[in-house]
PDB file of N, CA and C in Angstrom:
ATOM      1  N   UNK A   1      67.769  58.968  33.277  1.00  0.00           N
ATOM      2  CA  UNK A   1      68.423  59.434  34.279  1.00  0.00           C
ATOM      3  C   UNK A   1      69.788  59.784  34.408  1.00  0.00           C
ATOM      4  N   UNK A   2      70.121  60.955  34.857  1.00  0.00           N
ATOM      5  CA  UNK A   2      71.748  61.631  34.587  1.00  0.00           C
ATOM      6  C   UNK A   2      72.709  60.660  35.232  1.00  0.00           C
ATOM      7  N   UNK A   3      73.782  60.030  34.990  1.00  0.00           N
ATOM      8  CA  UNK A   3      74.612  59.492  35.454  1.00  0.00           C
ATOM      9  C   UNK A   3      75.438  60.216  36.592  1.00  0.00           C
ATOM     10  N   UNK A   4      75.231  61.520  36.286  1.00  0.00           N
ATOM     11  CA  UNK A   4      76.267  62.339  37.393  1.00  0.00           C
ATOM     12  C   UNK A   4      75.506  62.431  38.827  1.00  0.00           C
ATOM     13  N   UNK A   5      74.112  62.312  38.558  1.00  0.00           N
ATOM     14  CA  UNK A   5      73.419  62.096  40.022  1.00  0.00           C
ATOM     15  C   UNK A   5      73.806  60.997  40.607  1.00  0.00           C
ATOM     16  N   UNK A   6      74.147  59.678  39.933  1.00  0.00           N
ATOM     17  CA  UNK A   6      74.520  58.772  40.772  1.00  0.00           C
ATOM     18  C   UNK A   6      76.070  58.924  41.121  1.00  0.00           C
ATOM     19  N   UNK A   7      76.910  59.641  40.244  1.00  0.00           N
ATOM     20  CA  UNK A   7      77.956  59.894  40.672  1.00  0.00           C
ATOM     21  C   UNK A   7      78.248  60.910  42.129  1.00  0.00           C
ATOM     22  N   UNK A   8      76.828  61.595  42.296  1.00  0.00           N
ATOM     23  CA  UNK A   8      76.845  62.322  43.340  1.00  0.00           C
ATOM     24  C   UNK A   8      76.470  61.775  44.787  1.00  0.00           C
ATOM     25  N   UNK A   9      75.803  60.676  44.247  1.00  0.00           N
ATOM     26  CA  UNK A   9      75.382  59.707  45.309  1.00  0.00           C
ATOM     27  C   UNK A   9      76.676  59.044  45.732  1.00  0.00           C
ATOM     28  N   UNK A  10      77.363  58.686  44.720  1.00  0.00           N
ATOM     29  CA  UNK A  10      78.557  57.651  45.157  1.00  0.00           C
ATOM     30  C   UNK A  10      79.638  58.606  45.887  1.00  0.00           C
ATOM     31  N   UNK A  11      79.706  59.788  45.671  1.00  0.00           N
ATOM     32  CA  UNK A  11      80.721  60.605  46.357  1.00  0.00           C
ATOM     33  C   UNK A  11      80.091  60.737  47.791  1.00  0.00           C
ATOM     34  N   UNK A  12      78.545  61.175  47.835  1.00  0.00           N
ATOM     35  CA  UNK A  12      78.121  61.059  49.353  1.00  0.00           C
ATOM     36  C   UNK A  12      78.328  59.961  50.123  1.00  0.00           C
ATOM     37  N   UNK A  13      78.209  58.760  49.288  1.00  0.00           N
ATOM     38  CA  UNK A  13      78.303  57.304  50.155  1.00  0.00           C
ATOM     39  C   UNK A  13      79.801  57.499  50.499  1.00  0.00           C
ATOM     40  N   UNK A  14      80.861  57.863  49.829  1.00  0.00           N
ATOM     41  CA  UNK A  14      82.224  57.799  50.165  1.00  0.00           C
ATOM     42  C   UNK A  14      82.301  58.691  51.345  1.00  0.00           C
ATOM     43  N   UNK A  15      81.902  59.993  51.440  1.00  0.00           N
ATOM     44  CA  UNK A  15      81.952  60.835  52.566  1.00  0.00           C
ATOM     45  C   UNK A  15      81.338  60.099  53.914  1.00  0.00           C
ATOM     46  N   UNK A  16      80.217  59.201  53.799  1.00  0.00           N
ATOM     47  CA  UNK A  16      79.803  58.596  55.031  1.00  0.00           C
ATOM     48  C   UNK A  16      80.728  57.602  55.593  1.00  0.00           C
ATOM     49  N   UNK A  17      81.333  56.820  54.492  1.00  0.00           N
ATOM     50  CA  UNK A  17      82.121  56.034  54.799  1.00  0.00           C
ATOM     51  C   UNK A  17      83.674  56.415  55.853  1.00  0.00           C
ATOM     52  N   UNK A  18      84.003  57.652  55.149  1.00  0.00           N
ATOM     53  CA  UNK A  18      84.916  58.321  55.561  1.00  0.00           C
ATOM     54  C   UNK A  18      84.880  58.710  56.938  1.00  0.00           C
ATOM     55  N   UNK A  19      83.489  59.340  57.341  1.00  0.00           N
ATOM     56  CA  UNK A  19      83.050  59.740  58.582  1.00  0.00           C
ATOM     57  C   UNK A  19      83.048  58.536  59.490  1.00  0.00           C
ATOM     58  N   UNK A  20      82.568  57.456  59.225  1.00  0.00           N
ATOM     59  CA  UNK A  20      82.497  56.485  60.034  1.00  0.00           C
ATOM     60  C   UNK A  20      83.754  56.156  60.313  1.00  0.00           C
ATOM     61  N   UNK A  21      84.626  55.815  59.353  1.00  0.00           N
ATOM     62  CA  UNK A  21      86.214  55.467  59.701  1.00  0.00           C
ATOM     63  C   UNK A  21      86.797  56.558  60.580  1.00  0.00           C
ATOM     64  N   UNK A  22      86.483  57.675  60.727  1.00  0.00           N
ATOM     65  CA  UNK A  22      86.995  58.585  61.503  1.00  0.00           C
ATOM     66  C   UNK A  22      86.326  58.724  62.737  1.00  0.00           C
ATOM     67  N   UNK A  23      85.489  57.614  62.964  1.00  0.00           N
ATOM     68  CA  UNK A  23      84.333  57.668  64.313  1.00  0.00           C
ATOM     69  C   UNK A  23      83.660  58.908  64.592  1.00  0.00           C
ATOM     70  N   UNK A  24      83.229  59.654  63.657  1.00  0.00           N
ATOM     71  CA  UNK A  24      82.371  60.824  63.620  1.00  0.00           C
ATOM     72  C   UNK A  24      81.108  60.369  63.253  1.00  0.00           C
ATOM     73  N   UNK A  25      80.170  59.780  64.242  1.00  0.00           N
ATOM     74  CA  UNK A  25      78.779  59.134  64.119  1.00  0.00           C
ATOM     75  C   UNK A  25      78.024  60.295  63.882  1.00  0.00           C
ATOM     76  N   UNK A  26      78.028  61.357  64.448  1.00  0.00           N
ATOM     77  CA  UNK A  26      76.964  62.702  64.158  1.00  0.00           C
ATOM     78  C   UNK A  26      77.056  62.990  62.994  1.00  0.00           C
ATOM     79  N   UNK A  27      78.079  63.405  62.402  1.00  0.00           N
ATOM     80  CA  UNK A  27      78.258  63.948  60.924  1.00  0.00           C
ATOM     81  C   UNK A  27      77.984  62.907  59.878  1.00  0.00           C
ATOM     82  N   UNK A  28      78.645  61.575  60.329  1.00  0.00           N
ATOM     83  CA  UNK A  28      78.116  60.538  59.383  1.00  0.00           C
ATOM     84  C   UNK A  28      76.502  60.342  59.218  1.00  0.00           C
ATOM     85  N   UNK A  29      75.874  60.513  60.375  1.00  0.00           N
ATOM     86  CA  UNK A  29      74.218  60.475  60.471  1.00  0.00           C
ATOM     87  C   UNK A  29      73.806  61.516  59.765  1.00  0.00           C
ATOM     88  N   UNK A  30      74.203  62.654  59.945  1.00  0.00           N
ATOM     89  CA  UNK A  30      73.810  64.008  59.110  1.00  0.00           C
ATOM     90  C   UNK A  30      73.756  63.779  57.575  1.00  0.00           C
ATOM     91  N   UNK A  31      75.094  63.313  57.222  1.00  0.00           N
ATOM     92  CA  UNK A  31      75.466  63.227  55.767  1.00  0.00           C
ATOM     93  C   UNK A  31      74.483  61.924  55.259  1.00  0.00           C
ATOM     94  N   UNK A  32      74.420  60.939  55.732  1.00  0.00           N
ATOM     95  CA  UNK A  32      73.463  60.054  55.552  1.00  0.00           C
ATOM     96  C   UNK A  32      71.798  60.175  55.306  1.00  0.00           C
ATOM     97  N   UNK A  33      71.409  61.214  56.166  1.00  0.00           N
ATOM     98  CA  UNK A  33      70.186  61.953  55.943  1.00  0.00           C
ATOM     99  C   UNK A  33      70.247  62.755  54.686  1.00  0.00           C
ATOM    100  N   UNK A  34      71.232  63.513  54.481  1.00  0.00           N
ATOM    101  CA  UNK A  34      71.367  64.084  53.251  1.00  0.00           C
ATOM    102  C   UNK A  34      71.235  63.442  52.036  1.00  0.00           C
ATOM    103  N   UNK A  35      71.946  62.132  51.997  1.00  0.00           N
ATOM    104  CA  UNK A  35      72.116  61.387  50.732  1.00  0.00           C
ATOM    105  C   UNK A  35      70.729  60.603  50.583  1.00  0.00           C
ATOM    106  N   UNK A  36      70.345  60.102  51.844  1.00  0.00           N
ATOM    107  CA  UNK A  36      68.929  59.458  51.488  1.00  0.00           C
ATOM    108  C   UNK A  36      67.825  60.407  51.112  1.00  0.00           C
ATOM    109  N   UNK A  37      67.938  61.769  51.290  1.00  0.00           N
ATOM    110  CA  UNK A  37      66.645  62.614  50.822  1.00  0.00           C
ATOM    111  C   UNK A  37      67.106  62.757  49.028  1.00  0.00           C
ATOM    112  N   UNK A  38      68.159  62.714  48.767  1.00  0.00           N
ATOM    113  CA  UNK A  38      68.881  63.036  47.403  1.00  0.00           C
ATOM    114  C   UNK A  38      68.151  61.460  46.769  1.00  0.00           C
ATOM    115  N   UNK A  39      68.568  60.614  47.123  1.00  0.00           N
ATOM    116  CA  UNK A  39      68.057  59.195  46.654  1.00  0.00           C
ATOM    117  C   UNK A  39      66.686  59.107  46.691  1.00  0.00           C
ATOM    118  N   UNK A  40      65.901  59.351  47.586  1.00  0.00           N
ATOM    119  CA  UNK A  40      64.364  59.628  47.737  1.00  0.00           C
ATOM    120  C   UNK A  40      64.010  60.365  46.522  1.00  0.00           C
ATOM    121  N   UNK A  41      64.699  61.504  46.000  1.00  0.00           N
ATOM    122  CA  UNK A  41      64.237  62.266  45.031  1.00  0.00           C
ATOM    123  C   UNK A  41      64.469  61.720  43.652  1.00  0.00           C
ATOM    124  N   UNK A  42      65.695  60.902  43.499  1.00  0.00           N
ATOM    125  CA  UNK A  42      66.029  60.075  42.497  1.00  0.00           C
ATOM    126  C   UNK A  42      64.744  59.161  42.252  1.00  0.00           C
ATOM    127  N   UNK A  43      64.447  58.348  43.281  1.00  0.00           N
ATOM    128  CA  UNK A  43      63.328  57.399  43.144  1.00  0.00           C
ATOM    129  C   UNK A  43      62.168  57.980  42.675  1.00  0.00           C
ATOM    130  N   UNK A  44      61.781  58.998  43.092  1.00  0.00           N
ATOM    131  CA  UNK A  44      60.478  59.625  42.420  1.00  0.00           C
ATOM    132  C   UNK A  44      60.525  59.858  41.202  1.00  0.00           C
ATOM    133  N   UNK A  45      61.889  60.385  40.540  1.00  0.00           N
ATOM    134  CA  UNK A  45      61.612  60.438  38.925  1.00  0.00           C
ATOM    135  C   UNK A  45      62.021  59.292  38.335  1.00  0.00           C
ATOM    136  N   UNK A  46      62.664  58.320  38.942  1.00  0.00           N
ATOM    137  CA  UNK A  46      63.204  56.936  37.932  1.00  0.00           C
ATOM    138  C   UNK A  46      62.161  56.475  37.080  1.00  0.00           C
ATOM    139  N   UNK A  47      62.065  56.204  35.972  1.00  0.00           N
ATOM    140  CA  UNK A  47      61.165  55.611  35.076  1.00  0.00           C
ATOM    141  C   UNK A  47      62.064  54.268  34.571  1.00  0.00           C
ATOM    142  N   UNK A  48      63.289  54.210  33.924  1.00  0.00           N
ATOM    143  CA  UNK A  48      63.850  52.924  33.362  1.00  0.00           C
ATOM    144  C   UNK A  48      64.207  51.971  34.777  1.00  0.00           C
ATOM    145  N   UNK A  49      63.878  50.817  34.095  1.00  0.00           N
ATOM    146  CA  UNK A  49      64.064  49.803  35.253  1.00  0.00           C
ATOM    147  C   UNK A  49      65.541  49.693  35.758  1.00  0.00           C
ATOM    148  N   UNK A  50      66.584  49.750  34.859  1.00  0.00           N
ATOM    149  CA  UNK A  50      67.971  50.145  35.411  1.00  0.00           C
ATOM    150  C   UNK A  50      68.277  51.294  36.472  1.00  0.00           C
ATOM    151  N   UNK A  51      67.455  52.538  36.403  1.00  0.00           N
ATOM    152  CA  UNK A  51      67.482  53.428  37.295  1.00  0.00           C
ATOM    153  C   UNK A  51      66.915  52.877  38.780  1.00  0.00           C
ATOM    154  N   UNK A  52      65.878  52.220  38.557  1.00  0.00           N
ATOM    155  CA  UNK A  52      65.307  51.608  39.928  1.00  0.00           C
ATOM    156  C   UNK A  52      66.267  50.637  40.403  1.00  0.00           C
ATOM    157  N   UNK A  53      66.843  49.704  39.665  1.00  0.00           N
ATOM    158  CA  UNK A  53      67.969  48.976  40.263  1.00  0.00           C
ATOM    159  C   UNK A  53      69.000  49.378  40.932  1.00  0.00           C
ATOM    160  N   UNK A  54      69.398  50.535  40.330  1.00  0.00           N
ATOM    161  CA  UNK A  54      70.647  51.305  41.020  1.00  0.00           C
ATOM    162  C   UNK A  54      70.011  51.860  42.395  1.00  0.00           C
ATOM    163  N   UNK A  55      68.951  52.635  42.042  1.00  0.00           N
ATOM    164  CA  UNK A  55      68.523  53.208  43.308  1.00  0.00           C
ATOM    165  C   UNK A  55      68.501  52.219  44.493  1.00  0.00           C
ATOM    166  N   UNK A  56      67.810  50.972  44.121  1.00  0.00           N
ATOM    167  CA  UNK A  56      67.655  49.811  45.257  1.00  0.00           C
ATOM    168  C   UNK A  56      69.129  49.612  45.689  1.00  0.00           C
ATOM    169  N   UNK A  57      69.908  49.508  44.891  1.00  0.00           N
ATOM    170  CA  UNK A  57      71.280  49.108  45.391  1.00  0.00           C
ATOM    171  C   UNK A  57      71.839  50.103  46.502  1.00  0.00           C
ATOM    172  N   UNK A  58      71.738  51.398  46.398  1.00  0.00           N
ATOM    173  CA  UNK A  58      72.015  52.306  47.301  1.00  0.00           C
ATOM    174  C   UNK A  58      71.243  52.436  48.380  1.00  0.00           C
ATOM    175  N   UNK A  59      69.886  52.056  48.263  1.00  0.00           N
ATOM    176  CA  UNK A  59      69.113  52.084  49.568  1.00  0.00           C
ATOM    177  C   UNK A  59      69.734  50.947  50.528  1.00  0.00           C
ATOM    178  N   UNK A  60      70.094  49.992  49.850  1.00  0.00           N
ATOM    179  CA  UNK A  60      70.439  48.569  50.644  1.00  0.00           C
ATOM    180  C   UNK A  60      71.949  49.146  51.220  1.00  0.00           C
ATOM    181  N   UNK A  61      72.842  49.811  50.445  1.00  0.00           N
ATOM    182  CA  UNK A  61      73.925  50.157  51.101  1.00  0.00           C
ATOM    183  C   UNK A  61      73.789  51.281  52.024  1.00  0.00           C
ATOM    184  N   UNK A  62      72.809  52.319  51.950  1.00  0.00           N
ATOM    185  CA  UNK A  62      72.714  53.270  52.790  1.00  0.00           C
ATOM    186  C   UNK A  62      72.159  52.764  54.164  1.00  0.00           C
ATOM    187  N   UNK A  63      71.418  51.529  54.143  1.00  0.00           N
ATOM    188  CA  UNK A  63      70.665  50.877  55.187  1.00  0.00           C
ATOM    189  C   UNK A  63      71.839  50.206  55.940  1.00  0.00           C
ATOM    190  N   UNK A  64      72.826  49.628  55.389  1.00  0.00           N
ATOM    191  CA  UNK A  64      73.841  48.991  55.965  1.00  0.00           C
ATOM    192  C   UNK A  64      74.949  50.108  56.576  1.00  0.00           C
ATOM    193  N   UNK A  65      75.079  51.049  56.165  1.00  0.00           N
ATOM    194  CA  UNK A  65      75.663  52.033  56.717  1.00  0.00           C
ATOM    195  C   UNK A  65      75.171  52.713  57.800  1.00  0.00           C
ATOM    196  N   UNK A  66      73.780  52.962  57.967  1.00  0.00           N
ATOM    197  CA  UNK A  66      73.085  53.232  58.977  1.00  0.00           C
ATOM    198  C   UNK A  66      73.276  52.326  60.233  1.00  0.00           C
ATOM    199  N   UNK A  67      73.170  50.997  60.126  1.00  0.00           N
ATOM    200  CA  UNK A  67      73.573  50.134  60.890  1.00  0.00           C
ATOM    201  C   UNK A  67      74.985  50.287  61.621  1.00  0.00           C
ATOM    202  N   UNK A  68      76.034  50.423  60.844  1.00  0.00           N
ATOM    203  CA  UNK A  68      77.425  50.789  61.287  1.00  0.00           C
ATOM    204  C   UNK A  68      77.369  52.116  62.323  1.00  0.00           C
ATOM    205  N   UNK A  69      76.497  53.054  61.723  1.00  0.00           N
ATOM    206  CA  UNK A  69      76.698  54.259  62.492  1.00  0.00           C
ATOM    207  C   UNK A  69      75.766  54.037  63.906  1.00  0.00           C
ATOM    208  N   UNK A  70      74.941  53.199  63.899  1.00  0.00           N
ATOM    209  CA  UNK A  70      74.520  52.988  65.022  1.00  0.00           C
ATOM    210  C   UNK A  70      75.504  52.130  66.172  1.00  0.00           C
ATOM    211  N   UNK A  71      76.120  51.304  65.454  1.00  0.00           N
ATOM    212  CA  UNK A  71      77.109  50.577  66.284  1.00  0.00           C
ATOM    213  C   UNK A  71      78.138  51.534  66.780  1.00  0.00           C
ATOM    214  N   UNK A  72      78.506  52.417  65.850  1.00  0.00           N
ATOM    215  CA  UNK A  72      79.653  53.317  66.269  1.00  0.00           C
ATOM    216  C   UNK A  72      79.298  54.115  67.339  1.00  0.00           C
ATOM    217  N   UNK A  73      77.909  54.378  67.147  1.00  0.00           N
ATOM    218  CA  UNK A  73      77.245  55.463  68.388  1.00  0.00           C
ATOM    219  C   UNK A  73      77.179  54.636  69.674  1.00  0.00           C
ATOM    220  N   UNK A  74      76.919  53.554  69.708  1.00  0.00           N
ATOM    221  CA  UNK A  74      76.969  52.554  70.899  1.00  0.00           C
ATOM    222  C   UNK A  74      78.452  52.101  71.496  1.00  0.00           C
ATOM    223  N   UNK A  75      79.554  52.161  70.799  1.00  0.00           N
ATOM    224  CA  UNK A  75      80.811  52.274  71.341  1.00  0.00           C
ATOM    225  C   UNK A  75      81.603  53.594  71.582  1.00  0.00           C
ATOM    226  N   UNK A  76      81.071  54.566  71.331  1.00  0.00           N
ATOM    227  CA  UNK A  76      81.412  55.692  71.997  1.00  0.00           C
ATOM    228  C   UNK A  76      81.127  56.095  73.352  1.00  0.00           C
TER     229      UNK A  76
END
């Protein structure tokens, strides 16, 4: 699998974190959905164990970010 795909995911995750930091829950959630779809696509085509491990790390991270977005929306 191409490393640039993981680089794109990393960039997307950073955008989500930045949006959470700026307390923009709606945009953060929209970006999370977009990155999650990209991650699902990578999972569909992942063959090597290393790729599957990397994808699972991003899944955990996105789940944690989703919880932060939920908390953020509750505070607004």
